[in-house]
Amino acid sequence: AAAELNDEGRRNKFYYARRLLPFLTNLLFGTRLTDEATC
């Protein structure tokens, strides 16, 4: 849903880190986050 609101789909150097962090968070803590590093 957020992809329809903004330009986050652009693959800059921070994009993959933003994807990695929720994956790791979910793996470690059993959460279901899509964005851990959000402000």
PDB file of all heavy atoms in Angstrom:
ATOM      1  N   ALA A   1       0.831  -1.209   0.000  1.00  0.00           N
ATOM      2  CA  ALA A   1       0.000   0.000   0.000  1.00  0.00           C
ATOM      3  C   ALA A   1       0.862   1.255   0.000  1.00  0.00           C
ATOM      4  O   ALA A   1       0.532   2.255  -0.640  1.00  0.00           O
ATOM      5  CB  ALA A   1      -0.939  -0.006   1.203  1.00  0.00           C
ATOM      6  N   ALA A   2       1.989   1.219   0.707  1.00  0.00           N
ATOM      7  CA  ALA A   2       2.866   2.385   0.763  1.00  0.00           C
ATOM      8  C   ALA A   2       3.535   2.651  -0.575  1.00  0.00           C
ATOM      9  O   ALA A   2       3.849   3.802  -0.903  1.00  0.00           O
ATOM     10  CB  ALA A   2       3.929   2.190   1.846  1.00  0.00           C
ATOM     11  N   ALA A   3       3.771   1.612  -1.357  1.00  0.00           N
ATOM     12  CA  ALA A   3       4.423   1.784  -2.659  1.00  0.00           C
ATOM     13  C   ALA A   3       3.603   2.676  -3.583  1.00  0.00           C
ATOM     14  O   ALA A   3       4.149   3.324  -4.488  1.00  0.00           O
ATOM     15  CB  ALA A   3       4.647   0.427  -3.309  1.00  0.00           C
ATOM     16  N   GLU A   4       2.304   2.749  -3.369  1.00  0.00           N
ATOM     17  CA  GLU A   4       1.439   3.598  -4.186  1.00  0.00           C
ATOM     18  C   GLU A   4       1.514   5.064  -3.769  1.00  0.00           C
ATOM     19  O   GLU A   4       1.035   5.935  -4.489  1.00  0.00           O
ATOM     20  CB  GLU A   4      -0.007   3.104  -4.092  1.00  0.00           C
ATOM     21  CG  GLU A   4      -0.191   1.664  -4.547  1.00  0.00           C
ATOM     22  CD  GLU A   4      -1.614   1.191  -4.358  1.00  0.00           C
ATOM     23  OE1 GLU A   4      -2.456   2.029  -3.935  1.00  0.00           O
ATOM     24  OE2 GLU A   4      -1.892   0.013  -4.624  1.00  0.00           O
ATOM     25  N   LEU A   5       2.107   5.337  -2.611  1.00  0.00           N
ATOM     26  CA  LEU A   5       2.124   6.699  -2.076  1.00  0.00           C
ATOM     27  C   LEU A   5       3.423   7.446  -2.339  1.00  0.00           C
ATOM     28  O   LEU A   5       3.460   8.666  -2.246  1.00  0.00           O
ATOM     29  CB  LEU A   5       1.894   6.663  -0.555  1.00  0.00           C
ATOM     30  CG  LEU A   5       0.601   6.014  -0.059  1.00  0.00           C
ATOM     31  CD1 LEU A   5       0.569   6.035   1.466  1.00  0.00           C
ATOM     32  CD2 LEU A   5      -0.611   6.724  -0.631  1.00  0.00           C
ATOM     33  N   ASN A   6       4.514   6.730  -2.622  1.00  0.00           N
ATOM     34  CA  ASN A   6       5.808   7.389  -2.646  1.00  0.00           C
ATOM     35  C   ASN A   6       6.765   6.750  -3.630  1.00  0.00           C
ATOM     36  O   ASN A   6       6.383   5.839  -4.375  1.00  0.00           O
ATOM     37  CB  ASN A   6       6.408   7.399  -1.232  1.00  0.00           C
ATOM     38  CG  ASN A   6       6.471   6.007  -0.634  1.00  0.00           C
ATOM     39  OD1 ASN A   6       7.105   5.124  -1.196  1.00  0.00           O
ATOM     40  ND2 ASN A   6       5.803   5.792   0.496  1.00  0.00           N
ATOM     41  N   ASP A   7       8.026   7.205  -3.594  1.00  0.00           N
ATOM     42  CA  ASP A   7       9.035   6.758  -4.545  1.00  0.00           C
ATOM     43  C   ASP A   7       9.962   5.699  -3.963  1.00  0.00           C
ATOM     44  O   ASP A   7      11.069   5.498  -4.445  1.00  0.00           O
ATOM     45  CB  ASP A   7       9.881   7.945  -5.027  1.00  0.00           C
ATOM     46  CG  ASP A   7      10.704   8.585  -3.906  1.00  0.00           C
ATOM     47  OD1 ASP A   7      10.522   8.196  -2.745  1.00  0.00           O
ATOM     48  OD2 ASP A   7      11.522   9.467  -4.215  1.00  0.00           O
ATOM     49  N   GLU A   8       9.498   4.991  -2.934  1.00  0.00           N
ATOM     50  CA  GLU A   8      10.387   4.046  -2.256  1.00  0.00           C
ATOM     51  C   GLU A   8      10.798   2.880  -3.148  1.00  0.00           C
ATOM     52  O   GLU A   8      11.776   2.207  -2.884  1.00  0.00           O
ATOM     53  CB  GLU A   8       9.708   3.526  -0.989  1.00  0.00           C
ATOM     54  CG  GLU A   8      10.513   2.520  -0.187  1.00  0.00           C
ATOM     55  CD  GLU A   8      11.886   3.019   0.204  1.00  0.00           C
ATOM     56  OE1 GLU A   8      12.072   4.238   0.286  1.00  0.00           O
ATOM     57  OE2 GLU A   8      12.774   2.193   0.426  1.00  0.00           O
ATOM     58  N   GLY A   9      10.077   2.649  -4.227  1.00  0.00           N
ATOM     59  CA  GLY A   9      10.451   1.585  -5.137  1.00  0.00           C
ATOM     60  C   GLY A   9      11.760   1.850  -5.852  1.00  0.00           C
ATOM     61  O   GLY A   9      12.359   0.956  -6.436  1.00  0.00           O
ATOM     62  N   ARG A  10      12.261   3.089  -5.821  1.00  0.00           N
ATOM     63  CA  ARG A  10      13.525   3.412  -6.460  1.00  0.00           C
ATOM     64  C   ARG A  10      14.653   2.683  -5.745  1.00  0.00           C
ATOM     65  O   ARG A  10      14.792   2.750  -4.532  1.00  0.00           O
ATOM     66  CB  ARG A  10      13.758   4.925  -6.399  1.00  0.00           C
ATOM     67  CG  ARG A  10      14.960   5.405  -7.159  1.00  0.00           C
ATOM     68  CD  ARG A  10      14.937   6.918  -7.227  1.00  0.00           C
ATOM     69  NE  ARG A  10      14.772   7.523  -5.911  1.00  0.00           N
ATOM     70  CZ  ARG A  10      15.564   8.468  -5.429  1.00  0.00           C
ATOM     71  NH1 ARG A  10      16.581   8.898  -6.140  1.00  0.00           N
ATOM     72  NH2 ARG A  10      15.343   8.996  -4.256  1.00  0.00           N
ATOM     73  N   ARG A  11      15.524   2.004  -6.489  1.00  0.00           N
ATOM     74  CA  ARG A  11      16.570   1.173  -5.889  1.00  0.00           C
ATOM     75  C   ARG A  11      17.823   1.995  -5.624  1.00  0.00           C
ATOM     76  O   ARG A  11      18.776   1.963  -6.382  1.00  0.00           O
ATOM     77  CB  ARG A  11      16.897  -0.014  -6.808  1.00  0.00           C
ATOM     78  CG  ARG A  11      15.729  -0.948  -7.110  1.00  0.00           C
ATOM     79  CD  ARG A  11      15.204  -1.601  -5.833  1.00  0.00           C
ATOM     80  NE  ARG A  11      14.424  -2.785  -6.137  1.00  0.00           N
ATOM     81  CZ  ARG A  11      13.120  -2.811  -6.281  1.00  0.00           C
ATOM     82  NH1 ARG A  11      12.414  -1.699  -6.169  1.00  0.00           N
ATOM     83  NH2 ARG A  11      12.497  -3.936  -6.539  1.00  0.00           N
ATOM     84  N   ASN A  12      17.825   2.793  -4.556  1.00  0.00           N
ATOM     85  CA  ASN A  12      19.054   3.486  -4.176  1.00  0.00           C
ATOM     86  C   ASN A  12      19.841   2.615  -3.208  1.00  0.00           C
ATOM     87  O   ASN A  12      19.442   1.498  -2.872  1.00  0.00           O
ATOM     88  CB  ASN A  12      18.764   4.864  -3.583  1.00  0.00           C
ATOM     89  CG  ASN A  12      17.923   4.785  -2.321  1.00  0.00           C
ATOM     90  OD1 ASN A  12      17.892   3.777  -1.634  1.00  0.00           O
ATOM     91  ND2 ASN A  12      17.222   5.865  -2.013  1.00  0.00           N
ATOM     92  N   LYS A  13      20.995   3.105  -2.760  1.00  0.00           N
ATOM     93  CA  LYS A  13      21.885   2.263  -1.968  1.00  0.00           C
ATOM     94  C   LYS A  13      21.323   1.911  -0.595  1.00  0.00           C
ATOM     95  O   LYS A  13      21.810   0.989   0.055  1.00  0.00           O
ATOM     96  CB  LYS A  13      23.248   2.936  -1.812  1.00  0.00           C
ATOM     97  CG  LYS A  13      23.249   4.161  -0.912  1.00  0.00           C
ATOM     98  CD  LYS A  13      24.663   4.706  -0.772  1.00  0.00           C
ATOM     99  CE  LYS A  13      24.728   5.872   0.188  1.00  0.00           C
ATOM    100  NZ  LYS A  13      26.099   6.375   0.360  1.00  0.00           N
ATOM    101  N   PHE A  14      20.295   2.627  -0.142  1.00  0.00           N
ATOM    102  CA  PHE A  14      19.704   2.346   1.161  1.00  0.00           C
ATOM    103  C   PHE A  14      18.545   1.355   1.074  1.00  0.00           C
ATOM    104  O   PHE A  14      18.105   0.827   2.088  1.00  0.00           O
ATOM    105  CB  PHE A  14      19.203   3.643   1.803  1.00  0.00           C
ATOM    106  CG  PHE A  14      20.263   4.701   1.925  1.00  0.00           C
ATOM    107  CD1 PHE A  14      20.256   5.817   1.104  1.00  0.00           C
ATOM    108  CD2 PHE A  14      21.282   4.582   2.853  1.00  0.00           C
ATOM    109  CE1 PHE A  14      21.223   6.795   1.205  1.00  0.00           C
ATOM    110  CE2 PHE A  14      22.268   5.554   2.967  1.00  0.00           C
ATOM    111  CZ  PHE A  14      22.235   6.654   2.141  1.00  0.00           C
ATOM    112  N   TYR A  15      18.043   1.115  -0.137  1.00  0.00           N
ATOM    113  CA  TYR A  15      16.837   0.319  -0.311  1.00  0.00           C
ATOM    114  C   TYR A  15      17.012  -1.092   0.248  1.00  0.00           C
ATOM    115  O   TYR A  15      16.158  -1.607   0.966  1.00  0.00           O
ATOM    116  CB  TYR A  15      16.475   0.259  -1.787  1.00  0.00           C
ATOM    117  CG  TYR A  15      15.300  -0.622  -2.106  1.00  0.00           C
ATOM    118  CD1 TYR A  15      14.002  -0.139  -2.002  1.00  0.00           C
ATOM    119  CD2 TYR A  15      15.475  -1.956  -2.498  1.00  0.00           C
ATOM    120  CE1 TYR A  15      12.912  -0.952  -2.294  1.00  0.00           C
ATOM    121  CE2 TYR A  15      14.400  -2.769  -2.788  1.00  0.00           C
ATOM    122  CZ  TYR A  15      13.128  -2.268  -2.682  1.00  0.00           C
ATOM    123  OH  TYR A  15      12.054  -3.069  -2.961  1.00  0.00           O
ATOM    124  N   TYR A  16      18.131  -1.734  -0.079  1.00  0.00           N
ATOM    125  CA  TYR A  16      18.300  -3.133   0.305  1.00  0.00           C
ATOM    126  C   TYR A  16      18.511  -3.288   1.809  1.00  0.00           C
ATOM    127  O   TYR A  16      18.084  -4.278   2.408  1.00  0.00           O
ATOM    128  CB  TYR A  16      19.446  -3.746  -0.499  1.00  0.00           C
ATOM    129  CG  TYR A  16      19.123  -3.772  -1.975  1.00  0.00           C
ATOM    130  CD1 TYR A  16      19.667  -2.831  -2.838  1.00  0.00           C
ATOM    131  CD2 TYR A  16      18.222  -4.706  -2.471  1.00  0.00           C
ATOM    132  CE1 TYR A  16      19.340  -2.836  -4.187  1.00  0.00           C
ATOM    133  CE2 TYR A  16      17.878  -4.717  -3.823  1.00  0.00           C
ATOM    134  CZ  TYR A  16      18.442  -3.778  -4.673  1.00  0.00           C
ATOM    135  OH  TYR A  16      18.101  -3.779  -6.000  1.00  0.00           O
ATOM    136  N   ALA A  17      19.159  -2.316   2.429  1.00  0.00           N
ATOM    137  CA  ALA A  17      19.278  -2.344   3.887  1.00  0.00           C
ATOM    138  C   ALA A  17      17.906  -2.227   4.531  1.00  0.00           C
ATOM    139  O   ALA A  17      17.605  -2.896   5.531  1.00  0.00           O
ATOM    140  CB  ALA A  17      20.192  -1.227   4.362  1.00  0.00           C
ATOM    141  N   ARG A  18      17.056  -1.375   3.971  1.00  0.00           N
ATOM    142  CA  ARG A  18      15.700  -1.223   4.525  1.00  0.00           C
ATOM    143  C   ARG A  18      14.902  -2.516   4.384  1.00  0.00           C
ATOM    144  O   ARG A  18      14.013  -2.784   5.200  1.00  0.00           O
ATOM    145  CB  ARG A  18      14.986  -0.059   3.828  1.00  0.00           C
ATOM    146  CG  ARG A  18      15.479   1.302   4.276  1.00  0.00           C
ATOM    147  CD  ARG A  18      14.559   2.418   3.831  1.00  0.00           C
ATOM    148  NE  ARG A  18      14.650   2.720   2.424  1.00  0.00           N
ATOM    149  CZ  ARG A  18      15.385   3.707   1.908  1.00  0.00           C
ATOM    150  NH1 ARG A  18      16.117   4.465   2.705  1.00  0.00           N
ATOM    151  NH2 ARG A  18      15.390   3.945   0.615  1.00  0.00           N
ATOM    152  N   ARG A  19      15.178  -3.283   3.338  1.00  0.00           N
ATOM    153  CA  ARG A  19      14.508  -4.567   3.163  1.00  0.00           C
ATOM    154  C   ARG A  19      15.081  -5.647   4.085  1.00  0.00           C
ATOM    155  O   ARG A  19      14.354  -6.509   4.580  1.00  0.00           O
ATOM    156  CB  ARG A  19      14.638  -5.024   1.696  1.00  0.00           C
ATOM    157  CG  ARG A  19      13.795  -4.218   0.717  1.00  0.00           C
ATOM    158  CD  ARG A  19      12.322  -4.487   0.923  1.00  0.00           C
ATOM    159  NE  ARG A  19      11.506  -3.795  -0.057  1.00  0.00           N
ATOM    160  CZ  ARG A  19      10.174  -3.851  -0.087  1.00  0.00           C
ATOM    161  NH1 ARG A  19       9.522  -4.556   0.810  1.00  0.00           N
ATOM    162  NH2 ARG A  19       9.491  -3.179  -0.999  1.00  0.00           N
ATOM    163  N   LEU A  20      16.390  -5.602   4.310  1.00  0.00           N
ATOM    164  CA  LEU A  20      17.032  -6.611   5.150  1.00  0.00           C
ATOM    165  C   LEU A  20      16.581  -6.503   6.600  1.00  0.00           C
ATOM    166  O   LEU A  20      16.334  -7.526   7.260  1.00  0.00           O
ATOM    167  CB  LEU A  20      18.557  -6.452   5.071  1.00  0.00           C
ATOM    168  CG  LEU A  20      19.376  -7.270   6.086  1.00  0.00           C
ATOM    169  CD1 LEU A  20      19.189  -8.766   5.843  1.00  0.00           C
ATOM    170  CD2 LEU A  20      20.849  -6.880   6.014  1.00  0.00           C
ATOM    171  N   LEU A  21      16.476  -5.275   7.119  1.00  0.00           N
ATOM    172  CA  LEU A  21      16.215  -5.105   8.546  1.00  0.00           C
ATOM    173  C   LEU A  21      14.861  -5.666   8.987  1.00  0.00           C
ATOM    174  O   LEU A  21      14.792  -6.333  10.026  1.00  0.00           O
ATOM    175  CB  LEU A  21      16.362  -3.636   8.930  1.00  0.00           C
ATOM    176  CG  LEU A  21      17.806  -3.118   8.854  1.00  0.00           C
ATOM    177  CD1 LEU A  21      17.855  -1.623   9.095  1.00  0.00           C
ATOM    178  CD2 LEU A  21      18.706  -3.855   9.845  1.00  0.00           C
ATOM    179  N   PRO A  22      13.755  -5.453   8.258  1.00  0.00           N
ATOM    180  CA  PRO A  22      12.506  -6.091   8.709  1.00  0.00           C
ATOM    181  C   PRO A  22      12.558  -7.611   8.592  1.00  0.00           C
ATOM    182  O   PRO A  22      11.987  -8.319   9.434  1.00  0.00           O
ATOM    183  CB  PRO A  22      11.438  -5.488   7.789  1.00  0.00           C
ATOM    184  CG  PRO A  22      12.174  -4.935   6.630  1.00  0.00           C
ATOM    185  CD  PRO A  22      13.504  -4.518   7.151  1.00  0.00           C
ATOM    186  N   PHE A  23      13.247  -8.126   7.565  1.00  0.00           N
ATOM    187  CA  PHE A  23      13.382  -9.580   7.436  1.00  0.00           C
ATOM    188  C   PHE A  23      14.086 -10.153   8.665  1.00  0.00           C
ATOM    189  O   PHE A  23      13.635 -11.141   9.262  1.00  0.00           O
ATOM    190  CB  PHE A  23      14.166  -9.925   6.167  1.00  0.00           C
ATOM    191  CG  PHE A  23      14.540 -11.380   6.065  1.00  0.00           C
ATOM    192  CD1 PHE A  23      13.612 -12.313   5.628  1.00  0.00           C
ATOM    193  CD2 PHE A  23      15.813 -11.812   6.419  1.00  0.00           C
ATOM    194  CE1 PHE A  23      13.942 -13.672   5.557  1.00  0.00           C
ATOM    195  CE2 PHE A  23      16.156 -13.149   6.349  1.00  0.00           C
ATOM    196  CZ  PHE A  23      15.216 -14.083   5.913  1.00  0.00           C
ATOM    197  N   LEU A  24      15.190  -9.522   9.073  1.00  0.00           N
ATOM    198  CA  LEU A  24      15.936  -9.998  10.232  1.00  0.00           C
ATOM    199  C   LEU A  24      15.126  -9.827  11.510  1.00  0.00           C
ATOM    200  O   LEU A  24      15.134 -10.708  12.387  1.00  0.00           O
ATOM    201  CB  LEU A  24      17.262  -9.240  10.329  1.00  0.00           C
ATOM    202  CG  LEU A  24      18.207  -9.655  11.463  1.00  0.00           C
ATOM    203  CD1 LEU A  24      18.583 -11.125  11.344  1.00  0.00           C
ATOM    204  CD2 LEU A  24      19.457  -8.778  11.456  1.00  0.00           C
ATOM    205  N   THR A  25      14.431  -8.699  11.634  1.00  0.00           N
ATOM    206  CA  THR A  25      13.590  -8.469  12.815  1.00  0.00           C
ATOM    207  C   THR A  25      12.528  -9.554  12.946  1.00  0.00           C
ATOM    208  O   THR A  25      12.310 -10.110  14.027  1.00  0.00           O
ATOM    209  CB  THR A  25      12.922  -7.091  12.739  1.00  0.00           C
ATOM    210  OG1 THR A  25      13.921  -6.074  12.604  1.00  0.00           O
ATOM    211  CG2 THR A  25      12.095  -6.814  13.984  1.00  0.00           C
ATOM    212  N   ASN A  26      11.860  -9.846  11.851  1.00  0.00           N
ATOM    213  CA  ASN A  26      10.815 -10.864  11.870  1.00  0.00           C
ATOM    214  C   ASN A  26      11.383 -12.237  12.219  1.00  0.00           C
ATOM    215  O   ASN A  26      10.759 -13.019  12.948  1.00  0.00           O
ATOM    216  CB  ASN A  26      10.107 -10.908  10.522  1.00  0.00           C
ATOM    217  CG  ASN A  26       9.372  -9.616  10.216  1.00  0.00           C
ATOM    218  OD1 ASN A  26       9.070  -8.829  11.115  1.00  0.00           O
ATOM    219  ND2 ASN A  26       9.096  -9.371   8.947  1.00  0.00           N
ATOM    220  N   LEU A  27      12.579 -12.519  11.708  1.00  0.00           N
ATOM    221  CA  LEU A  27      13.217 -13.805  11.976  1.00  0.00           C
ATOM    222  C   LEU A  27      13.581 -13.935  13.453  1.00  0.00           C
ATOM    223  O   LEU A  27      13.373 -14.989  14.074  1.00  0.00           O
ATOM    224  CB  LEU A  27      14.472 -13.941  11.111  1.00  0.00           C
ATOM    225  CG  LEU A  27      15.267 -15.245  11.230  1.00  0.00           C
ATOM    226  CD1 LEU A  27      14.439 -16.415  10.710  1.00  0.00           C
ATOM    227  CD2 LEU A  27      16.583 -15.143  10.461  1.00  0.00           C
ATOM    228  N   LEU A  28      14.103 -12.875  14.040  1.00  0.00           N
ATOM    229  CA  LEU A  28      14.582 -12.924  15.422  1.00  0.00           C
ATOM    230  C   LEU A  28      13.468 -12.811  16.458  1.00  0.00           C
ATOM    231  O   LEU A  28      13.558 -13.403  17.545  1.00  0.00           O
ATOM    232  CB  LEU A  28      15.595 -11.795  15.657  1.00  0.00           C
ATOM    233  CG  LEU A  28      16.951 -11.928  14.968  1.00  0.00           C
ATOM    234  CD1 LEU A  28      17.757 -10.640  15.134  1.00  0.00           C
ATOM    235  CD2 LEU A  28      17.734 -13.115  15.525  1.00  0.00           C
ATOM    236  N   PHE A  29      12.430 -12.027  16.133  1.00  0.00           N
ATOM    237  CA  PHE A  29      11.440 -11.691  17.159  1.00  0.00           C
ATOM    238  C   PHE A  29      10.028 -12.175  16.840  1.00  0.00           C
ATOM    239  O   PHE A  29       9.114 -11.951  17.638  1.00  0.00           O
ATOM    240  CB  PHE A  29      11.419 -10.170  17.372  1.00  0.00           C
ATOM    241  CG  PHE A  29      12.729  -9.617  17.851  1.00  0.00           C
ATOM    242  CD1 PHE A  29      13.631  -9.073  16.959  1.00  0.00           C
ATOM    243  CD2 PHE A  29      13.073  -9.668  19.188  1.00  0.00           C
ATOM    244  CE1 PHE A  29      14.852  -8.569  17.383  1.00  0.00           C
ATOM    245  CE2 PHE A  29      14.290  -9.176  19.633  1.00  0.00           C
ATOM    246  CZ  PHE A  29      15.187  -8.629  18.725  1.00  0.00           C
ATOM    247  N   GLY A  30       9.831 -12.817  15.697  1.00  0.00           N
ATOM    248  CA  GLY A  30       8.504 -13.313  15.361  1.00  0.00           C
ATOM    249  C   GLY A  30       7.506 -12.228  15.020  1.00  0.00           C
ATOM    250  O   GLY A  30       6.290 -12.441  15.111  1.00  0.00           O
ATOM    251  N   THR A  31       8.005 -11.046  14.663  1.00  0.00           N
ATOM    252  CA  THR A  31       7.131  -9.946  14.246  1.00  0.00           C
ATOM    253  C   THR A  31       6.735 -10.119  12.781  1.00  0.00           C
ATOM    254  O   THR A  31       7.211 -11.030  12.085  1.00  0.00           O
ATOM    255  CB  THR A  31       7.836  -8.597  14.450  1.00  0.00           C
ATOM    256  OG1 THR A  31       9.114  -8.641  13.788  1.00  0.00           O
ATOM    257  CG2 THR A  31       8.067  -8.321  15.922  1.00  0.00           C
ATOM    258  N   ARG A  32       5.906  -9.200  12.286  1.00  0.00           N
ATOM    259  CA  ARG A  32       5.495  -9.240  10.868  1.00  0.00           C
ATOM    260  C   ARG A  32       5.638  -7.841  10.271  1.00  0.00           C
ATOM    261  O   ARG A  32       4.727  -7.315   9.638  1.00  0.00           O
ATOM    262  CB  ARG A  32       4.063  -9.750  10.754  1.00  0.00           C
ATOM    263  CG  ARG A  32       3.886 -11.155  11.315  1.00  0.00           C
ATOM    264  CD  ARG A  32       2.471 -11.658  11.127  1.00  0.00           C
ATOM    265  NE  ARG A  32       2.143 -11.814   9.710  1.00  0.00           N
ATOM    266  CZ  ARG A  32       0.963 -12.224   9.269  1.00  0.00           C
ATOM    267  NH1 ARG A  32      -0.012 -12.505  10.140  1.00  0.00           N
ATOM    268  NH2 ARG A  32       0.725 -12.343   7.977  1.00  0.00           N
ATOM    269  N   LEU A  33       6.799  -7.245  10.472  1.00  0.00           N
ATOM    270  CA  LEU A  33       7.045  -5.884   9.999  1.00  0.00           C
ATOM    271  C   LEU A  33       7.435  -5.871   8.528  1.00  0.00           C
ATOM    272  O   LEU A  33       8.082  -6.791   8.030  1.00  0.00           O
ATOM    273  CB  LEU A  33       8.170  -5.243  10.808  1.00  0.00           C
ATOM    274  CG  LEU A  33       7.910  -4.958  12.292  1.00  0.00           C
ATOM    275  CD1 LEU A  33       9.156  -4.388  12.944  1.00  0.00           C
ATOM    276  CD2 LEU A  33       6.737  -4.007  12.449  1.00  0.00           C
ATOM    277  N   THR A  34       7.069  -4.784   7.861  1.00  0.00           N
ATOM    278  CA  THR A  34       7.571  -4.533   6.506  1.00  0.00           C
ATOM    279  C   THR A  34       8.631  -3.446   6.499  1.00  0.00           C
ATOM    280  O   THR A  34       9.372  -3.309   5.531  1.00  0.00           O
ATOM    281  CB  THR A  34       6.431  -4.116   5.558  1.00  0.00           C
ATOM    282  OG1 THR A  34       5.851  -2.879   6.022  1.00  0.00           O
ATOM    283  CG2 THR A  34       5.352  -5.181   5.491  1.00  0.00           C
ATOM    284  N   ASP A  35       8.735  -2.643   7.592  1.00  0.00           N
ATOM    285  CA  ASP A  35       9.676  -1.518   7.619  1.00  0.00           C
ATOM    286  C   ASP A  35      10.128  -1.276   9.056  1.00  0.00           C
ATOM    287  O   ASP A  35       9.439  -0.609   9.820  1.00  0.00           O
ATOM    288  CB  ASP A  35       9.010  -0.264   7.038  1.00  0.00           C
ATOM    289  CG  ASP A  35       9.989   0.869   6.784  1.00  0.00           C
ATOM    290  OD1 ASP A  35      11.188   0.715   7.111  1.00  0.00           O
ATOM    291  OD2 ASP A  35       9.557   1.907   6.253  1.00  0.00           O
ATOM    292  N   GLU A  36      11.301  -1.814   9.407  1.00  0.00           N
ATOM    293  CA  GLU A  36      11.817  -1.631  10.772  1.00  0.00           C
ATOM    294  C   GLU A  36      12.519  -0.293  10.943  1.00  0.00           C
ATOM    295  O   GLU A  36      12.437   0.335  11.986  1.00  0.00           O
ATOM    296  CB  GLU A  36      12.783  -2.769  11.123  1.00  0.00           C
ATOM    297  CG  GLU A  36      13.231  -2.780  12.573  1.00  0.00           C
ATOM    298  CD  GLU A  36      14.274  -1.726  12.894  1.00  0.00           C
ATOM    299  OE1 GLU A  36      15.189  -1.500  12.056  1.00  0.00           O
ATOM    300  OE2 GLU A  36      14.171  -1.109  13.966  1.00  0.00           O
ATOM    301  N   ALA A  37      13.233   0.170   9.898  1.00  0.00           N
ATOM    302  CA  ALA A  37      14.094   1.348  10.021  1.00  0.00           C
ATOM    303  C   ALA A  37      13.355   2.666   9.821  1.00  0.00           C
ATOM    304  O   ALA A  37      13.977   3.727   9.797  1.00  0.00           O
ATOM    305  CB  ALA A  37      15.251   1.251   9.025  1.00  0.00           C
ATOM    306  N   THR A  38      12.043   2.619   9.688  1.00  0.00           N
ATOM    307  CA  THR A  38      11.285   3.848   9.503  1.00  0.00           C
ATOM    308  C   THR A  38      11.509   4.820  10.666  1.00  0.00           C
ATOM    309  O   THR A  38      11.610   4.410  11.832  1.00  0.00           O
ATOM    310  CB  THR A  38       9.778   3.537   9.380  1.00  0.00           C
ATOM    311  OG1 THR A  38       9.045   4.770   9.256  1.00  0.00           O
ATOM    312  CG2 THR A  38       9.260   2.772  10.596  1.00  0.00           C
ATOM    313  N   CYS A  39      11.575   6.099  10.347  1.00  0.00           N
ATOM    314  CA  CYS A  39      11.634   7.115  11.401  1.00  0.00           C
ATOM    315  C   CYS A  39      10.320   7.164  12.174  1.00  0.00           C
ATOM    316  O   CYS A  39      10.324   7.340  13.395  1.00  0.00           O
ATOM    317  CB  CYS A  39      11.915   8.485  10.783  1.00  0.00           C
ATOM    318  SG  CYS A  39      11.588   9.866  11.903  1.00  0.00           S
TER     319      CYS A  39
END
